[in-house]
């Protein structure tokens, strides 16, 4: 990861803590404009949801 990526990540984490509404709007806009960037995340979330459902049943 480049220094720029790392810096942007830190800024986004701070924004998420300090202003969650603006963070949600920013992420929503990013998803609309670049859905391919979030495909891998969506797949990971689906696997987590599937695992959680399995755990809840047990």
Protein backbone atom coordinates (compact mmCIF):
# COMPACT_ATOMS: atom_id res chain seq x y z
CA UNK A 1 0.00 0.00 0.00
CA UNK A 2 1.36 3.39 -0.91
CA UNK A 3 1.73 6.26 1.52
CA UNK A 4 -1.15 8.03 -0.21
CA UNK A 5 -3.43 5.01 0.22
CA UNK A 6 -2.44 4.77 3.86
CA UNK A 7 -3.09 8.47 4.43
CA UNK A 8 -6.48 8.30 2.74
CA UNK A 9 -7.37 5.26 4.84
CA UNK A 10 -6.50 7.11 8.04
CA UNK A 11 -8.54 10.13 6.98
CA UNK A 12 -11.54 7.92 6.20
CA UNK A 13 -11.29 6.18 9.58
CA UNK A 14 -11.21 9.55 11.34
CA UNK A 15 -14.17 10.77 9.29
CA UNK A 16 -16.09 7.61 10.13
CA UNK A 17 -15.58 8.29 13.85
CA UNK A 18 -16.03 12.06 13.80
CA UNK A 19 -18.80 12.48 11.22
CA UNK A 20 -20.50 9.17 10.42
CA UNK A 21 -23.24 10.80 8.31
CA UNK A 22 -20.75 12.43 5.95
CA UNK A 23 -18.76 9.18 5.82
CA UNK A 24 -21.88 7.24 4.78
CA UNK A 25 -22.67 9.80 2.06
CA UNK A 26 -19.09 9.66 0.77
CA UNK A 27 -19.04 5.86 0.66
CA UNK A 28 -22.48 5.71 -0.98
CA UNK A 29 -21.31 8.13 -3.71
CA UNK A 30 -18.11 6.13 -4.21
CA UNK A 31 -20.15 2.92 -4.58
CA UNK A 32 -22.42 4.55 -7.15
CA UNK A 33 -19.54 5.91 -9.20
CA UNK A 34 -17.18 2.91 -8.87
CA UNK A 35 -19.14 -0.23 -7.95
CA UNK A 36 -16.29 -2.46 -9.09
CA UNK A 37 -14.18 -1.23 -6.17
CA UNK A 38 -16.69 -2.70 -3.73
CA UNK A 39 -17.38 -6.07 -5.37
CA UNK A 40 -14.70 -7.84 -3.35
CA UNK A 41 -15.99 -6.28 -0.13
CA UNK A 42 -19.54 -7.35 -0.96
CA UNK A 43 -18.39 -10.95 -1.50
CA UNK A 44 -16.58 -10.89 1.85
CA UNK A 45 -19.66 -9.53 3.58
CA UNK A 46 -21.81 -12.27 2.02
CA UNK A 47 -19.45 -14.91 3.41
CA UNK A 48 -19.57 -13.30 6.86
CA UNK A 49 -23.38 -13.13 6.77
CA UNK A 50 -23.56 -16.79 5.74
CA UNK A 51 -21.23 -17.75 8.60
CA UNK A 52 -23.24 -15.68 11.10
CA UNK A 53 -26.48 -17.35 10.03
CA UNK A 54 -24.89 -20.76 10.49
CA UNK A 55 -23.62 -19.80 13.97
CA UNK A 56 -27.05 -18.43 14.94
CA UNK A 57 -28.71 -21.73 13.98
CA UNK A 58 -26.32 -23.76 16.16
